[in-house]
Amino acid sequence: MSLSISGKTAIVTGAAHGIGLAVARHFLDRGANVVLADIDETRLKDELGDMANDDGPARYFAGDLCQKLTVKNLLSATIDAFDRIDILVNTTRSFQPCDPLDPSEDVLDAMLSQNLKSSLRITQMTAKRMISQAEKDGRTDGEIGSIVNISSLAARRSQPELLAYSISCAAQEQAIRGLAVALAPHRIRVNGVSFASVMSRSLQDSLAEHDDWREAIIAGTPLGRIASPSELVETVQYLASTGASFTTGQIVTVDGGRGIMDGVQVPAY
């Protein structure tokens, strides 16, 4: 089984920090060309430093990927730099608590826009580019692209204050399955990676405000710790590589066992 992505061109969104940055660095280390996309241009520049140049394998693209024109420009910039797109890893997502009983809350609109609509749009537009480049190259067999979207255990577990976030994640996972079926005839695979608690920038900020959350997360995770972003990257690489050539429409869970643990820990009778 080959997990090689050397020589492939990948777009990684949400790449200025956390999971996206870890994936982008890992792909670069494995010989891929990578366009790191994020709205935070300052952070992208700081992270890439001298690596982002016209001769190297790394580029950055700054912009709001909720906007259709921005996505179009990202795809064009990738083609201009590396002539093709082989892999999309979409890690951009937003997390915001809400009052589940307040019908005037606009948090759901924000969560659906960022976590569903933005992900769906960039997946659709990237897939069309992959199809058109395959037609241009005259490729009539073999895989032409792989798309991996990052999801969350919140799609399948319920917490009232995360209602809007959970709905957006569940909708995204259904979009992954639907797009996998729609794009299979075009030889493009679509999969997802679902995580629980990963020490991202947003979680670090939350733990700084709510220190008791750390103990609660660890207690609810059988492996007894919070994951680092680097612990997701091998799974993403597998799904992006030809090693997963017969895998599509799947949500692979990397959560330290949290999703299988009963929240009520009492002796069984």
C-alpha atoms as a PDB file:
ATOM      1  CA  MET A   1       0.000   0.000   0.000  1.00  0.00           C
ATOM      2  CA  SER A   2       1.442   3.359  -1.059  1.00  0.00           C
ATOM      3  CA  LEU A   3       0.876   6.346   1.180  1.00  0.00           C
ATOM      4  CA  SER A   4       3.107   8.547  -0.946  1.00  0.00           C
ATOM      5  CA  ILE A   5       1.954  12.072  -1.770  1.00  0.00           C
ATOM      6  CA  SER A   6       5.334  13.152  -3.133  1.00  0.00           C
ATOM      7  CA  GLY A   7       4.967  15.361  -6.180  1.00  0.00           C
ATOM      8  CA  LYS A   8       1.246  15.909  -5.595  1.00  0.00           C
ATOM      9  CA  THR A   9      -0.205  19.384  -5.277  1.00  0.00           C
ATOM     10  CA  ALA A  10      -2.432  20.020  -2.275  1.00  0.00           C
ATOM     11  CA  ILE A  11      -4.501  22.917  -1.040  1.00  0.00           C
ATOM     12  CA  VAL A  12      -4.871  23.026   2.748  1.00  0.00           C
ATOM     13  CA  THR A  13      -7.384  25.499   4.170  1.00  0.00           C
ATOM     14  CA  GLY A  14      -7.319  26.794   7.713  1.00  0.00           C
ATOM     15  CA  ALA A  15      -3.558  26.396   7.406  1.00  0.00           C
ATOM     16  CA  ALA A  16      -2.372  29.274   9.592  1.00  0.00           C
ATOM     17  CA  HIS A  17      -2.670  27.282  12.814  1.00  0.00           C
ATOM     18  CA  GLY A  18      -3.801  24.054  14.456  1.00  0.00           C
ATOM     19  CA  ILE A  19      -4.771  21.027  12.407  1.00  0.00           C
ATOM     20  CA  GLY A  20      -4.448  22.812   9.073  1.00  0.00           C
ATOM     21  CA  LEU A  21      -0.913  23.987   9.781  1.00  0.00           C
ATOM     22  CA  ALA A  22       0.096  20.529  11.028  1.00  0.00           C
ATOM     23  CA  VAL A  23      -1.298  18.912   7.867  1.00  0.00           C
ATOM     24  CA  ALA A  24       0.411  21.441   5.601  1.00  0.00           C
ATOM     25  CA  ARG A  25       3.798  20.970   7.275  1.00  0.00           C
ATOM     26  CA  HIS A  26       3.427  17.191   7.173  1.00  0.00           C
ATOM     27  CA  PHE A  27       2.568  17.235   3.466  1.00  0.00           C
ATOM     28  CA  LEU A  28       5.563  19.461   2.729  1.00  0.00           C
ATOM     29  CA  ASP A  29       7.806  17.068   4.652  1.00  0.00           C
ATOM     30  CA  ARG A  30       6.426  14.219   2.531  1.00  0.00           C
ATOM     31  CA  GLY A  31       7.349  15.927  -0.740  1.00  0.00           C
ATOM     32  CA  ALA A  32       4.042  17.507  -1.764  1.00  0.00           C
ATOM     33  CA  ASN A  33       3.526  20.976  -3.158  1.00  0.00           C
ATOM     34  CA  VAL A  34       1.239  22.817  -0.766  1.00  0.00           C
ATOM     35  CA  VAL A  35      -0.800  26.005  -0.942  1.00  0.00           C
ATOM     36  CA  LEU A  36      -1.609  27.104   2.601  1.00  0.00           C
ATOM     37  CA  ALA A  37      -4.872  29.074   2.640  1.00  0.00           C
ATOM     38  CA  ASP A  38      -6.271  31.074   5.520  1.00  0.00           C
ATOM     39  CA  ILE A  39      -7.842  34.441   6.275  1.00  0.00           C
ATOM     40  CA  ASP A  40      -4.947  35.289   8.634  1.00  0.00           C
ATOM     41  CA  GLU A  41      -2.238  36.549   6.276  1.00  0.00           C
ATOM     42  CA  THR A  42       0.077  37.705   9.070  1.00  0.00           C
ATOM     43  CA  ARG A  43       0.108  34.272  10.677  1.00  0.00           C
ATOM     44  CA  LEU A  44       0.671  32.577   7.305  1.00  0.00           C
ATOM     45  CA  LYS A  45       3.695  34.772   6.632  1.00  0.00           C
ATOM     46  CA  ASP A  46       5.073  34.144  10.106  1.00  0.00           C
ATOM     47  CA  GLU A  47       4.679  30.374   9.814  1.00  0.00           C
ATOM     48  CA  LEU A  48       6.089  30.048   6.295  1.00  0.00           C
ATOM     49  CA  GLY A  49       8.873  32.600   6.514  1.00  0.00           C
ATOM     50  CA  ASP A  50      11.351  32.120   3.670  1.00  0.00           C
ATOM     51  CA  MET A  51       9.703  28.856   2.599  1.00  0.00           C
ATOM     52  CA  ALA A  52       7.114  30.707   0.513  1.00  0.00           C
ATOM     53  CA  ASN A  53       8.926  31.604  -2.686  1.00  0.00           C
ATOM     54  CA  ASP A  54       8.480  31.136  -6.407  1.00  0.00           C
ATOM     55  CA  ASP A  55      10.919  28.215  -6.544  1.00  0.00           C
ATOM     56  CA  GLY A  56       9.821  26.158  -3.554  1.00  0.00           C
ATOM     57  CA  PRO A  57       6.974  23.742  -2.824  1.00  0.00           C
ATOM     58  CA  ALA A  58       5.106  26.088  -0.448  1.00  0.00           C
ATOM     59  CA  ARG A  59       2.846  29.032  -1.230  1.00  0.00           C
ATOM     60  CA  TYR A  60       0.311  30.898   0.846  1.00  0.00           C
ATOM     61  CA  PHE A  61      -3.024  32.425  -0.075  1.00  0.00           C
ATOM     62  CA  ALA A  62      -4.860  34.830   2.232  1.00  0.00           C
ATOM     63  CA  GLY A  63      -8.576  35.498   1.938  1.00  0.00           C
ATOM     64  CA  ASP A  64     -12.082  34.816   3.201  1.00  0.00           C
ATOM     65  CA  LEU A  65     -12.981  31.402   1.788  1.00  0.00           C
ATOM     66  CA  CYS A  66     -16.646  31.965   2.570  1.00  0.00           C
ATOM     67  CA  GLN A  67     -16.633  34.133  -0.565  1.00  0.00           C
ATOM     68  CA  LYS A  68     -17.040  32.382  -3.921  1.00  0.00           C
ATOM     69  CA  LEU A  69     -14.682  34.768  -5.735  1.00  0.00           C
ATOM     70  CA  THR A  70     -11.973  34.152  -3.134  1.00  0.00           C
ATOM     71  CA  VAL A  71     -12.209  30.392  -3.671  1.00  0.00           C
ATOM     72  CA  LYS A  72     -11.991  30.906  -7.423  1.00  0.00           C
ATOM     73  CA  ASN A  73      -8.873  33.029  -6.958  1.00  0.00           C
ATOM     74  CA  LEU A  74      -7.339  30.393  -4.662  1.00  0.00           C
ATOM     75  CA  LEU A  75      -7.797  27.693  -7.293  1.00  0.00           C
ATOM     76  CA  SER A  76      -6.369  29.911 -10.022  1.00  0.00           C
ATOM     77  CA  ALA A  77      -3.355  30.792  -7.852  1.00  0.00           C
ATOM     78  CA  THR A  78      -2.706  27.102  -7.222  1.00  0.00           C
ATOM     79  CA  ILE A  79      -2.847  26.280 -10.931  1.00  0.00           C
ATOM     80  CA  ASP A  80      -0.562  29.215 -11.719  1.00  0.00           C
ATOM     81  CA  ALA A  81       1.987  28.025  -9.154  1.00  0.00           C
ATOM     82  CA  PHE A  82       1.942  24.257  -9.690  1.00  0.00           C
ATOM     83  CA  ASP A  83      -0.115  23.624 -12.870  1.00  0.00           C
ATOM     84  CA  ARG A  84      -2.586  21.298 -11.164  1.00  0.00           C
ATOM     85  CA  ILE A  85      -4.574  20.372  -8.045  1.00  0.00           C
ATOM     86  CA  ASP A  86      -4.501  16.781  -6.774  1.00  0.00           C
ATOM     87  CA  ILE A  87      -5.588  17.053  -3.143  1.00  0.00           C
ATOM     88  CA  LEU A  88      -7.830  19.337  -1.107  1.00  0.00           C
ATOM     89  CA  VAL A  89      -7.734  19.213   2.691  1.00  0.00           C
ATOM     90  CA  ASN A  90     -10.347  21.504   4.170  1.00  0.00           C
ATOM     91  CA  THR A  91      -9.771  22.161   7.871  1.00  0.00           C
ATOM     92  CA  THR A  92     -11.355  25.629   8.074  1.00  0.00           C
ATOM     93  CA  ARG A  93     -14.091  25.662  10.672  1.00  0.00           C
ATOM     94  CA  SER A  94     -15.666  27.912  13.265  1.00  0.00           C
ATOM     95  CA  PHE A  95     -16.783  27.091  16.792  1.00  0.00           C
ATOM     96  CA  GLN A  96     -19.322  29.147  18.696  1.00  0.00           C
ATOM     97  CA  PRO A  97     -21.609  28.222  21.620  1.00  0.00           C
ATOM     98  CA  CYS A  98     -25.245  29.267  21.651  1.00  0.00           C
ATOM     99  CA  ASP A  99     -28.448  29.274  23.654  1.00  0.00           C
ATOM    100  CA  PRO A 100     -30.367  26.269  22.281  1.00  0.00           C
ATOM    101  CA  LEU A 101     -33.724  27.777  23.305  1.00  0.00           C
ATOM    102  CA  ASP A 102     -33.271  31.244  21.797  1.00  0.00           C
ATOM    103  CA  PRO A 103     -34.933  31.378  18.347  1.00  0.00           C
ATOM    104  CA  SER A 104     -33.386  34.783  17.659  1.00  0.00           C
ATOM    105  CA  GLU A 105     -29.846  33.427  17.807  1.00  0.00           C
ATOM    106  CA  ASP A 106     -27.906  33.967  14.586  1.00  0.00           C
ATOM    107  CA  VAL A 107     -25.178  31.522  15.606  1.00  0.00           C
ATOM    108  CA  LEU A 108     -26.695  28.744  13.483  1.00  0.00           C
ATOM    109  CA  ASP A 109     -26.443  30.886  10.356  1.00  0.00           C
ATOM    110  CA  ALA A 110     -22.802  31.609  11.141  1.00  0.00           C
ATOM    111  CA  MET A 111     -21.990  27.945  11.812  1.00  0.00           C
ATOM    112  CA  LEU A 112     -23.726  26.744   8.654  1.00  0.00           C
ATOM    113  CA  SER A 113     -21.995  29.406   6.583  1.00  0.00           C
ATOM    114  CA  GLN A 114     -18.507  28.571   7.841  1.00  0.00           C
ATOM    115  CA  ASN A 115     -18.657  24.851   8.533  1.00  0.00           C
ATOM    116  CA  LEU A 116     -21.058  23.667   5.827  1.00  0.00           C
ATOM    117  CA  LYS A 117     -21.516  26.140   3.001  1.00  0.00           C
ATOM    118  CA  SER A 118     -17.872  27.188   2.787  1.00  0.00           C
ATOM    119  CA  SER A 119     -16.670  23.580   2.909  1.00  0.00           C
ATOM    120  CA  LEU A 120     -19.262  22.486   0.356  1.00  0.00           C
ATOM    121  CA  ARG A 121     -18.446  25.305  -2.052  1.00  0.00           C
ATOM    122  CA  ILE A 122     -14.685  24.795  -2.043  1.00  0.00           C
ATOM    123  CA  THR A 123     -15.149  21.037  -2.458  1.00  0.00           C
ATOM    124  CA  GLN A 124     -17.463  21.506  -5.441  1.00  0.00           C
ATOM    125  CA  MET A 125     -15.271  24.111  -7.118  1.00  0.00           C
ATOM    126  CA  THR A 126     -12.076  22.139  -6.554  1.00  0.00           C
ATOM    127  CA  ALA A 127     -13.673  18.989  -7.939  1.00  0.00           C
ATOM    128  CA  LYS A 128     -14.654  20.838 -11.113  1.00  0.00           C
ATOM    129  CA  ARG A 129     -11.044  21.981 -11.550  1.00  0.00           C
ATOM    130  CA  MET A 130      -9.811  18.425 -11.051  1.00  0.00           C
ATOM    131  CA  ILE A 131     -12.251  17.169 -13.683  1.00  0.00           C
ATOM    132  CA  SER A 132     -11.327  19.862 -16.203  1.00  0.00           C
ATOM    133  CA  GLN A 133      -7.587  19.311 -15.774  1.00  0.00           C
ATOM    134  CA  ALA A 134      -8.058  15.554 -16.277  1.00  0.00           C
ATOM    135  CA  GLU A 135      -9.984  16.224 -19.475  1.00  0.00           C
ATOM    136  CA  LYS A 136      -7.259  18.600 -20.637  1.00  0.00           C
ATOM    137  CA  ASP A 137      -4.594  15.984 -19.902  1.00  0.00           C
ATOM    138  CA  GLY A 138      -6.610  13.294 -21.673  1.00  0.00           C
ATOM    139  CA  ARG A 139      -6.671  11.094 -18.571  1.00  0.00           C
ATOM    140  CA  THR A 140      -9.419   8.501 -18.912  1.00  0.00           C
ATOM    141  CA  ASP A 141      -8.539   6.120 -16.075  1.00  0.00           C
ATOM    142  CA  GLY A 142      -7.064   6.194 -12.594  1.00  0.00           C
ATOM    143  CA  GLU A 143      -7.846   8.498  -9.714  1.00  0.00           C
ATOM    144  CA  ILE A 144      -7.759  12.214 -10.525  1.00  0.00           C
ATOM    145  CA  GLY A 145      -8.216  13.699  -7.073  1.00  0.00           C
ATOM    146  CA  SER A 146      -8.828  13.233  -3.366  1.00  0.00           C
ATOM    147  CA  ILE A 147     -10.690  15.544  -0.996  1.00  0.00           C
ATOM    148  CA  VAL A 148     -10.542  15.324   2.805  1.00  0.00           C
ATOM    149  CA  ASN A 149     -12.765  17.446   5.043  1.00  0.00           C
ATOM    150  CA  ILE A 150     -12.209  17.770   8.789  1.00  0.00           C
ATOM    151  CA  SER A 151     -15.301  17.144  10.894  1.00  0.00           C
ATOM    152  CA  SER A 152     -16.010  16.768  14.595  1.00  0.00           C
ATOM    153  CA  LEU A 153     -17.385  14.268  17.058  1.00  0.00           C
ATOM    154  CA  ALA A 154     -20.015  16.936  17.758  1.00  0.00           C
ATOM    155  CA  ALA A 155     -21.829  15.677  14.653  1.00  0.00           C
ATOM    156  CA  ARG A 156     -22.840  12.555  16.601  1.00  0.00           C
ATOM    157  CA  ARG A 157     -22.806  13.650  20.234  1.00  0.00           C
ATOM    158  CA  SER A 158     -25.187  16.139  21.847  1.00  0.00           C
ATOM    159  CA  GLN A 159     -24.354  19.093  24.065  1.00  0.00           C
ATOM    160  CA  PRO A 160     -27.101  21.738  24.270  1.00  0.00           C
ATOM    161  CA  GLU A 161     -24.759  24.728  24.163  1.00  0.00           C
ATOM    162  CA  LEU A 162     -23.151  23.316  21.006  1.00  0.00           C
ATOM    163  CA  LEU A 163     -26.424  22.792  19.164  1.00  0.00           C
ATOM    164  CA  ALA A 164     -25.604  25.061  16.206  1.00  0.00           C
ATOM    165  CA  TYR A 165     -22.065  23.727  15.881  1.00  0.00           C
ATOM    166  CA  SER A 166     -23.290  20.123  16.072  1.00  0.00           C
ATOM    167  CA  ILE A 167     -25.922  20.712  13.385  1.00  0.00           C
ATOM    168  CA  SER A 168     -23.329  22.217  11.051  1.00  0.00           C
ATOM    169  CA  CYS A 169     -20.950  19.290  11.611  1.00  0.00           C
ATOM    170  CA  ALA A 170     -23.671  16.693  11.035  1.00  0.00           C
ATOM    171  CA  ALA A 171     -24.696  18.463   7.826  1.00  0.00           C
ATOM    172  CA  GLN A 172     -21.088  18.542   6.678  1.00  0.00           C
ATOM    173  CA  GLU A 173     -20.727  14.793   7.190  1.00  0.00           C
ATOM    174  CA  GLN A 174     -23.830  14.177   5.101  1.00  0.00           C
ATOM    175  CA  ALA A 175     -22.360  16.461   2.426  1.00  0.00           C
ATOM    176  CA  ILE A 176     -19.181  14.349   2.447  1.00  0.00           C
ATOM    177  CA  ARG A 177     -21.211  11.194   1.805  1.00  0.00           C
ATOM    178  CA  GLY A 178     -23.371  12.799  -0.879  1.00  0.00           C
ATOM    179  CA  LEU A 179     -20.409  14.310  -2.714  1.00  0.00           C
ATOM    180  CA  ALA A 180     -18.517  11.018  -2.512  1.00  0.00           C
ATOM    181  CA  VAL A 181     -21.309   9.327  -4.463  1.00  0.00           C
ATOM    182  CA  ALA A 182     -21.660  12.217  -6.923  1.00  0.00           C
ATOM    183  CA  LEU A 183     -17.930  12.439  -7.648  1.00  0.00           C
ATOM    184  CA  ALA A 184     -17.134   8.714  -7.736  1.00  0.00           C
ATOM    185  CA  PRO A 185     -17.911   8.448 -11.501  1.00  0.00           C
ATOM    186  CA  HIS A 186     -15.396  11.264 -12.034  1.00  0.00           C
ATOM    187  CA  ARG A 187     -12.714   9.299 -10.125  1.00  0.00           C
ATOM    188  CA  ILE A 188     -12.553  11.727  -7.213  1.00  0.00           C
ATOM    189  CA  ARG A 189     -12.727  10.422  -3.657  1.00  0.00           C
ATOM    190  CA  VAL A 190     -14.244  12.429  -0.773  1.00  0.00           C
ATOM    191  CA  ASN A 191     -13.700  11.477   2.855  1.00  0.00           C
ATOM    192  CA  GLY A 192     -13.647  13.055   6.299  1.00  0.00           C
ATOM    193  CA  VAL A 193     -11.679  12.909   9.529  1.00  0.00           C
ATOM    194  CA  SER A 194     -13.687  13.415  12.713  1.00  0.00           C
ATOM    195  CA  PHE A 195     -11.841  14.562  15.814  1.00  0.00           C
ATOM    196  CA  ALA A 196     -12.729  15.202  19.435  1.00  0.00           C
ATOM    197  CA  SER A 197     -10.511  17.485  21.528  1.00  0.00           C
ATOM    198  CA  VAL A 198      -7.351  18.600  19.758  1.00  0.00           C
ATOM    199  CA  MET A 199      -5.029  21.203  21.243  1.00  0.00           C
ATOM    200  CA  SER A 200      -5.780  23.856  18.651  1.00  0.00           C
ATOM    201  CA  ARG A 201      -5.573  27.596  19.164  1.00  0.00           C
ATOM    202  CA  SER A 202      -9.312  27.813  19.866  1.00  0.00           C
ATOM    203  CA  LEU A 203      -9.144  25.056  22.494  1.00  0.00           C
ATOM    204  CA  GLN A 204      -6.125  26.698  24.117  1.00  0.00           C
ATOM    205  CA  ASP A 205      -8.091  29.934  24.368  1.00  0.00           C
ATOM    206  CA  SER A 206     -11.080  28.106  25.845  1.00  0.00           C
ATOM    207  CA  LEU A 207      -8.966  26.264  28.425  1.00  0.00           C
ATOM    208  CA  ALA A 208      -7.372  29.543  29.462  1.00  0.00           C
ATOM    209  CA  GLU A 209     -10.847  30.812  30.378  1.00  0.00           C
ATOM    210  CA  HIS A 210     -12.224  27.536  31.727  1.00  0.00           C
ATOM    211  CA  ASP A 211      -9.416  25.558  33.327  1.00  0.00           C
ATOM    212  CA  ASP A 212     -11.841  22.946  34.685  1.00  0.00           C
ATOM    213  CA  TRP A 213     -12.637  21.890  31.123  1.00  0.00           C
ATOM    214  CA  ARG A 214      -9.233  20.220  30.813  1.00  0.00           C
ATOM    215  CA  GLU A 215      -9.980  17.693  33.547  1.00  0.00           C
ATOM    216  CA  ALA A 216     -13.448  17.037  32.123  1.00  0.00           C
ATOM    217  CA  ILE A 217     -12.060  16.377  28.638  1.00  0.00           C
ATOM    218  CA  ILE A 218      -9.358  14.052  29.936  1.00  0.00           C
ATOM    219  CA  ALA A 219     -11.847  12.177  32.149  1.00  0.00           C
ATOM    220  CA  GLY A 220     -14.118  11.635  29.143  1.00  0.00           C
ATOM    221  CA  THR A 221     -11.339  10.319  26.905  1.00  0.00           C
ATOM    222  CA  PRO A 222     -10.273   6.681  27.407  1.00  0.00           C
ATOM    223  CA  LEU A 223      -6.694   7.425  26.290  1.00  0.00           C
ATOM    224  CA  GLY A 224      -6.618  10.054  29.035  1.00  0.00           C
ATOM    225  CA  ARG A 225      -5.231  13.087  27.239  1.00  0.00           C
ATOM    226  CA  ILE A 226      -5.890  15.792  24.659  1.00  0.00           C
ATOM    227  CA  ALA A 227      -4.531  15.136  21.175  1.00  0.00           C
ATOM    228  CA  SER A 228      -2.002  17.311  19.426  1.00  0.00           C
ATOM    229  CA  PRO A 229      -2.773  18.456  15.849  1.00  0.00           C
ATOM    230  CA  SER A 230       0.073  16.274  14.575  1.00  0.00           C
ATOM    231  CA  GLU A 231      -1.838  13.139  15.626  1.00  0.00           C
ATOM    232  CA  LEU A 232      -4.390  13.629  12.851  1.00  0.00           C
ATOM    233  CA  VAL A 233      -1.993  14.153   9.968  1.00  0.00           C
ATOM    234  CA  GLU A 234      -1.159  10.518   9.205  1.00  0.00           C
ATOM    235  CA  THR A 235      -4.868   9.724   8.862  1.00  0.00           C
ATOM    236  CA  VAL A 236      -5.325  12.675   6.519  1.00  0.00           C
ATOM    237  CA  GLN A 237      -2.330  11.549   4.462  1.00  0.00           C
ATOM    238  CA  TYR A 238      -3.750   8.018   4.204  1.00  0.00           C
ATOM    239  CA  LEU A 239      -7.096   9.272   2.912  1.00  0.00           C
ATOM    240  CA  ALA A 240      -5.369  11.629   0.457  1.00  0.00           C
ATOM    241  CA  SER A 241      -3.042   8.937  -0.908  1.00  0.00           C
ATOM    242  CA  THR A 242      -3.609   6.058  -3.313  1.00  0.00           C
ATOM    243  CA  GLY A 243      -3.339   3.771  -0.302  1.00  0.00           C
ATOM    244  CA  ALA A 244      -7.003   4.626   0.238  1.00  0.00           C
ATOM    245  CA  SER A 245      -7.902   4.186  -3.424  1.00  0.00           C
ATOM    246  CA  PHE A 246     -11.057   2.187  -2.634  1.00  0.00           C
ATOM    247  CA  THR A 247     -12.164   4.351   0.280  1.00  0.00           C
ATOM    248  CA  THR A 248     -14.721   7.090  -0.276  1.00  0.00           C
ATOM    249  CA  GLY A 249     -17.614   8.612   1.639  1.00  0.00           C
ATOM    250  CA  GLN A 250     -16.105   7.567   4.973  1.00  0.00           C
ATOM    251  CA  ILE A 251     -15.711   9.532   8.199  1.00  0.00           C
ATOM    252  CA  VAL A 252     -12.638   8.242  10.022  1.00  0.00           C
ATOM    253  CA  THR A 253     -12.749   9.015  13.745  1.00  0.00           C
ATOM    254  CA  VAL A 254      -9.595  10.011  15.621  1.00  0.00           C
ATOM    255  CA  ASP A 255     -10.791  10.813  19.143  1.00  0.00           C
ATOM    256  CA  GLY A 256      -8.864   8.779  21.711  1.00  0.00           C
ATOM    257  CA  GLY A 257     -11.939   6.618  22.248  1.00  0.00           C
ATOM    258  CA  ARG A 258     -14.147   9.468  23.419  1.00  0.00           C
ATOM    259  CA  GLY A 259     -16.977   8.635  21.019  1.00  0.00           C
ATOM    260  CA  ILE A 260     -17.404   5.102  22.377  1.00  0.00           C
ATOM    261  CA  MET A 261     -17.334   6.008  26.060  1.00  0.00           C
ATOM    262  CA  ASP A 262     -20.522   6.070  28.094  1.00  0.00           C
ATOM    263  CA  GLY A 263     -20.771   9.406  29.858  1.00  0.00           C
ATOM    264  CA  VAL A 264     -22.330   7.752  32.910  1.00  0.00           C
ATOM    265  CA  GLN A 265     -19.506   5.827  34.528  1.00  0.00           C
ATOM    266  CA  VAL A 266     -21.171   3.589  37.149  1.00  0.00           C
ATOM    267  CA  PRO A 267     -20.799  -0.147  37.890  1.00  0.00           C
ATOM    268  CA  ALA A 268     -22.874  -2.324  35.570  1.00  0.00           C
ATOM    269  CA  TYR A 269     -25.543  -4.529  37.136  1.00  0.00           C
END
